[in-house]
Amino acid sequence: MSLRHLADYPWVQRSVGVAAAEYLRFVWHTNRFGIDPPDIYERVRPDLPAIVAMWHGQHFMMPFFKRKEHRVKVLISRHRDGEINAIAAKRLGVEPIRGSGTSGRDFLKKGGVAGFKQMMEALARGYNVALTADVPKIARVAGRGIVQLARASGRPIYPVAVATSRYIELKSWDRSAFNLPFGRFAIAVGDPVRVAADADDRAVEEARQTVEARLNATTKRVYDIVEGRAKDFDWGRNPSRTTQIA
């Protein structure tokens, strides 16, 4: 039996998902923590619930952006790897929404409509919703789905990036970062993007470009922090990690 077929078994998926969650928790506890800006939780409070935008492959440590009082759901695809990610997310206190952010002819097949509806319902119920902003299989290019969610829900999009100073970049389309322990871990949050309910096609495209630009800038900022290039960042002016998830 091949490893690919072995991964179809639910007990294997659960075992891998639990192990992944506990590994990420280990990385969280063994890295020095910082967040930029340090008062971000106070800044975003009036905007909650909000939409959290992240790049695919740079998202593994994202559950640690959540504080204990926050209710969060995350959009996760329905494929085999998605099942493992959903198990890990749930163990880290984030509820999964199974669907797809893709668009085009395979939108219905991949559960895009169902996922969009569930995200709308979650925001209406006070949940923050996180999802990757990339066009599927095209790294660092934002799609329109997240902008359409903001337009329909009236909630702002916050670009968020996470990074560790020690990581391995995988040879995948999204340049996934495999985060490592015993270094520095930072979260950076950019300025929100707001989309009017009556936004036309041109305004939606402008918002999409803004999400992409701010998410790229936020990603650069977080790597500058963990790699020591951000001389204006003070590691001492940060909230205690005890306010985050355990």
Protein backbone atom coordinates (compact mmCIF):
# COMPACT_ATOMS: atom_id res chain seq x y z
CA MET A 1 0.00 0.00 0.00
CA SER A 2 1.38 3.42 -0.97
CA LEU A 3 1.66 6.32 1.46
CA ARG A 4 -0.87 8.22 -0.67
CA HIS A 5 -3.49 5.48 -0.16
CA LEU A 6 -2.62 5.17 3.52
CA ALA A 7 -3.45 8.86 3.97
CA ASP A 8 -7.05 8.13 2.94
CA TYR A 9 -7.73 6.34 6.23
CA PRO A 10 -9.49 8.55 8.82
CA TRP A 11 -7.32 7.27 11.69
CA VAL A 12 -4.19 8.24 9.76
CA GLN A 13 -5.58 11.69 8.99
CA ARG A 14 -6.48 12.21 12.65
CA SER A 15 -3.07 11.04 13.86
CA VAL A 16 -1.24 13.33 11.46
CA GLY A 17 -3.56 16.26 12.24
CA VAL A 18 -3.09 15.91 16.00
CA ALA A 19 0.68 15.55 15.61
CA ALA A 20 0.80 18.65 13.39
CA ALA A 21 -1.15 20.71 15.93
CA GLU A 22 1.09 19.65 18.79
CA TYR A 23 4.21 20.37 16.75
CA LEU A 24 2.95 23.90 16.00
CA ARG A 25 2.17 24.36 19.70
CA PHE A 26 5.76 23.30 20.46
CA VAL A 27 7.07 25.86 17.96
CA TRP A 28 4.87 28.51 19.59
CA HIS A 29 6.18 27.79 23.09
CA THR A 30 9.85 27.65 22.09
CA ASN A 31 10.06 30.87 20.08
CA ARG A 32 10.29 34.41 21.41
CA PHE A 33 7.00 36.11 20.54
CA GLY A 34 6.32 39.57 19.11
CA ILE A 35 3.40 41.27 17.39
CA ASP A 36 3.29 44.38 15.22
CA PRO A 37 1.77 46.78 16.05
CA PRO A 38 1.84 45.83 19.76
CA ASP A 39 -1.60 47.38 20.41
CA ILE A 40 -3.27 45.66 17.44
CA TYR A 41 -5.87 43.86 19.56
CA GLU A 42 -7.16 47.17 20.92
CA ARG A 43 -7.14 48.69 17.42
CA VAL A 44 -9.16 45.92 15.80
CA ARG A 45 -11.72 45.47 18.58
CA PRO A 46 -14.22 47.98 17.10
CA ASP A 47 -14.02 46.17 13.73
CA LEU A 48 -14.79 42.68 15.02
CA PRO A 49 -15.85 40.36 13.59
CA ALA A 50 -13.35 40.78 10.80
CA ILE A 51 -11.98 38.90 7.79
CA VAL A 52 -8.35 37.78 8.14
CA ALA A 53 -6.40 37.52 4.88
CA MET A 54 -3.24 35.41 4.67
CA TRP A 55 -1.04 33.92 1.98
CA HIS A 56 -1.18 30.19 1.35
CA GLY A 57 1.88 28.39 2.67
CA GLN A 58 2.60 31.14 5.19
CA HIS A 59 -0.35 30.29 7.42
CA PHE A 60 0.65 27.36 9.62
CA MET A 61 1.25 29.45 12.76
CA MET A 62 -1.82 31.63 12.14
CA PRO A 63 -3.94 30.02 14.95
CA PHE A 64 -1.67 31.76 17.46
CA PHE A 65 -2.96 35.15 16.30
CA LYS A 66 -6.20 34.19 18.04
CA ARG A 67 -6.81 35.31 21.60
CA LYS A 68 -8.74 33.14 24.03
CA GLU A 69 -11.84 35.35 23.82
CA HIS A 70 -11.98 35.30 20.02
CA ARG A 71 -14.26 33.02 18.05
CA VAL A 72 -12.64 32.13 14.74
CA LYS A 73 -13.48 30.01 11.72
CA VAL A 74 -11.13 29.24 8.85
CA LEU A 75 -11.87 28.18 5.27
CA ILE A 76 -10.17 24.86 4.48
CA SER A 77 -10.43 22.92 1.23
CA ARG A 78 -12.15 19.55 1.03
CA HIS A 79 -9.25 17.50 -0.28
CA ARG A 80 -7.21 14.96 1.73
CA ASP A 81 -4.64 17.46 3.01
CA GLY A 82 -7.50 19.75 3.92
CA GLU A 83 -8.90 17.10 6.25
CA ILE A 84 -5.59 16.95 8.11
CA ASN A 85 -5.47 20.76 8.28
CA ALA A 86 -9.04 20.84 9.62
CA ILE A 87 -8.16 18.41 12.41
CA ALA A 88 -5.10 20.45 13.36
CA ALA A 89 -7.02 23.75 13.27
CA LYS A 90 -9.80 22.41 15.48
CA ARG A 91 -7.30 21.13 18.03
CA LEU A 92 -5.81 24.64 18.13
CA GLY A 93 -9.21 26.24 18.81
CA VAL A 94 -10.16 27.30 15.29
CA GLU A 95 -13.34 25.92 13.73
CA PRO A 96 -13.02 24.78 10.10
CA ILE A 97 -15.35 25.68 7.25
CA ARG A 98 -14.97 23.12 4.47
CA GLY A 99 -15.10 24.67 1.05
CA SER A 100 -12.99 26.41 -1.55
CA GLY A 101 -12.04 29.94 -2.40
CA THR A 102 -11.53 29.06 -6.04
CA SER A 103 -13.50 30.58 -8.87
CA GLY A 104 -14.29 29.56 -12.41
CA ARG A 105 -15.87 26.42 -13.81
CA ASP A 106 -14.89 24.27 -10.82
CA PHE A 107 -16.37 26.68 -8.27
CA LEU A 108 -19.51 24.64 -7.58
CA LYS A 109 -17.71 21.31 -7.67
CA LYS A 110 -15.19 22.36 -5.07
CA GLY A 111 -17.76 23.72 -2.67
CA GLY A 112 -17.10 27.39 -3.26
CA VAL A 113 -20.72 28.48 -2.97
CA ALA A 114 -21.29 26.46 0.19
CA GLY A 115 -18.09 27.81 1.71
CA PHE A 116 -19.04 31.40 0.89
CA LYS A 117 -22.45 30.94 2.49
CA GLN A 118 -20.93 29.44 5.63
CA MET A 119 -18.46 32.31 5.92
CA MET A 120 -21.29 34.83 5.59
CA GLU A 121 -23.24 33.02 8.30
CA ALA A 122 -20.19 32.86 10.57
CA LEU A 123 -19.54 36.61 10.28
CA ALA A 124 -23.22 37.33 10.98
CA ARG A 125 -22.93 35.24 14.16
CA GLY A 126 -19.88 37.17 15.37
CA TYR A 127 -17.12 34.81 14.25
CA ASN A 128 -13.94 36.18 12.73
CA VAL A 129 -13.23 34.39 9.44
CA ALA A 130 -9.75 33.60 8.12
CA LEU A 131 -8.89 32.48 4.60
CA THR A 132 -6.02 32.45 2.15
CA ALA A 133 -6.26 35.24 -0.39
CA ASP A 134 -4.28 33.61 -3.20
CA VAL A 135 -5.70 32.52 -6.51
CA PRO A 136 -5.37 28.69 -6.33
CA LYS A 137 -1.95 27.49 -7.56
CA ILE A 138 -0.77 31.07 -8.16
CA ALA A 139 1.24 32.31 -5.19
CA ARG A 140 0.95 35.87 -3.88
CA VAL A 141 -1.80 36.90 -6.32
CA ALA A 142 -5.02 37.79 -4.53
CA GLY A 143 -8.31 36.59 -5.94
CA ARG A 144 -11.62 38.39 -5.86
CA GLY A 145 -13.33 35.95 -3.51
CA ILE A 146 -12.15 37.60 -0.31
CA VAL A 147 -13.15 41.03 -1.64
CA GLN A 148 -16.61 39.76 -2.57
CA LEU A 149 -16.96 38.37 0.95
CA ALA A 150 -16.11 41.80 2.40
CA ARG A 151 -18.56 43.54 0.06
CA ALA A 152 -21.40 41.14 0.89
CA SER A 153 -20.79 41.03 4.64
CA GLY A 154 -19.75 44.63 5.30
CA ARG A 155 -16.77 43.41 7.34
CA PRO A 156 -13.19 44.73 6.88
CA ILE A 157 -10.28 42.65 5.60
CA TYR A 158 -7.16 42.63 7.77
CA PRO A 159 -3.95 41.43 6.07
CA VAL A 160 -2.02 39.24 8.53
CA ALA A 161 1.36 37.54 8.17
CA VAL A 162 3.24 35.23 10.51
CA ALA A 163 6.88 34.09 10.41
CA THR A 164 9.57 32.41 12.42
CA SER A 165 13.24 33.28 12.18
CA ARG A 166 14.06 29.60 11.66
CA TYR A 167 12.16 27.84 8.89
CA ILE A 168 12.52 25.63 5.85
CA GLU A 169 11.03 26.87 2.58
CA LEU A 170 9.48 23.95 0.75
CA LYS A 171 9.67 23.55 -3.03
CA SER A 172 5.94 23.98 -3.59
CA TRP A 173 3.89 26.41 -5.68
CA ASP A 174 3.13 28.50 -2.58
CA ARG A 175 6.70 28.45 -1.18
CA SER A 176 5.37 27.01 2.09
CA ALA A 177 7.38 27.89 5.19
CA PHE A 178 7.89 24.95 7.55
CA ASN A 179 8.32 26.75 10.87
CA LEU A 180 11.02 25.61 13.30
CA PRO A 181 11.44 26.03 17.08
CA PHE A 182 14.05 27.90 19.14
CA GLY A 183 14.08 31.27 17.42
CA ARG A 184 11.79 34.28 17.06
CA PHE A 185 8.12 34.21 16.05
CA ALA A 186 6.26 37.34 14.95
CA ILE A 187 2.82 38.33 13.72
CA ALA A 188 2.34 41.47 11.62
CA VAL A 189 -1.02 43.07 10.83
CA GLY A 190 -1.56 45.61 8.06
CA ASP A 191 -4.14 48.35 7.62
CA PRO A 192 -7.67 47.09 6.93
CA VAL A 193 -9.27 47.09 3.49
CA ARG A 194 -12.93 48.10 3.42
CA VAL A 195 -15.26 47.38 0.51
CA ALA A 196 -18.53 49.26 0.03
CA ALA A 197 -21.72 47.27 -0.44
CA ASP A 198 -22.36 49.05 -3.73
CA ALA A 199 -18.80 48.57 -5.06
CA ASP A 200 -18.83 48.09 -8.84
CA ASP A 201 -16.48 45.87 -10.82
CA ARG A 202 -13.78 48.54 -10.97
CA ALA A 203 -13.95 49.15 -7.22
CA VAL A 204 -13.77 45.41 -6.51
CA GLU A 205 -10.65 45.12 -8.66
CA GLU A 206 -9.06 48.10 -6.90
CA ALA A 207 -9.82 46.48 -3.54
CA ARG A 208 -8.32 43.20 -4.76
CA GLN A 209 -5.12 44.99 -5.74
CA THR A 210 -5.03 46.75 -2.37
CA VAL A 211 -5.42 43.46 -0.48
CA GLU A 212 -2.58 41.97 -2.53
CA ALA A 213 -0.28 44.95 -1.99
CA ARG A 214 -0.95 45.22 1.74
CA LEU A 215 -0.58 41.50 2.28
CA ASN A 216 2.76 41.53 0.44
CA ALA A 217 3.89 44.52 2.51
CA THR A 218 2.77 42.85 5.73
CA THR A 219 4.62 39.66 4.80
CA LYS A 220 7.80 41.63 4.11
CA ARG A 221 7.37 43.43 7.42
CA VAL A 222 7.05 40.23 9.46
CA TYR A 223 10.17 38.71 7.91
CA ASP A 224 12.07 41.95 8.50
CA ILE A 225 11.06 41.67 12.18
CA VAL A 226 12.10 38.06 12.77
CA GLU A 227 15.30 38.42 10.73
CA GLY A 228 16.36 41.56 12.60
CA ARG A 229 16.06 44.13 9.81
CA ALA A 230 13.18 46.09 11.43
CA LYS A 231 15.18 48.39 13.68
CA ASP A 232 12.00 50.18 14.81
CA PHE A 233 10.48 47.03 16.28
CA ASP A 234 10.74 46.67 20.08
CA TRP A 235 10.43 43.06 21.26
CA GLY A 236 9.81 44.33 24.79
CA ARG A 237 6.57 46.17 23.90
CA ASN A 238 4.37 43.16 23.25
CA PRO A 239 1.37 41.54 24.93
CA SER A 240 1.96 38.48 27.05
CA ARG A 241 1.69 35.16 25.24
CA THR A 242 -0.60 34.00 28.09
CA THR A 243 -3.41 36.00 26.47
CA GLN A 244 -3.14 33.86 23.35
CA ILE A 245 -4.42 30.34 22.94
CA ALA A 246 -2.70 27.76 25.12
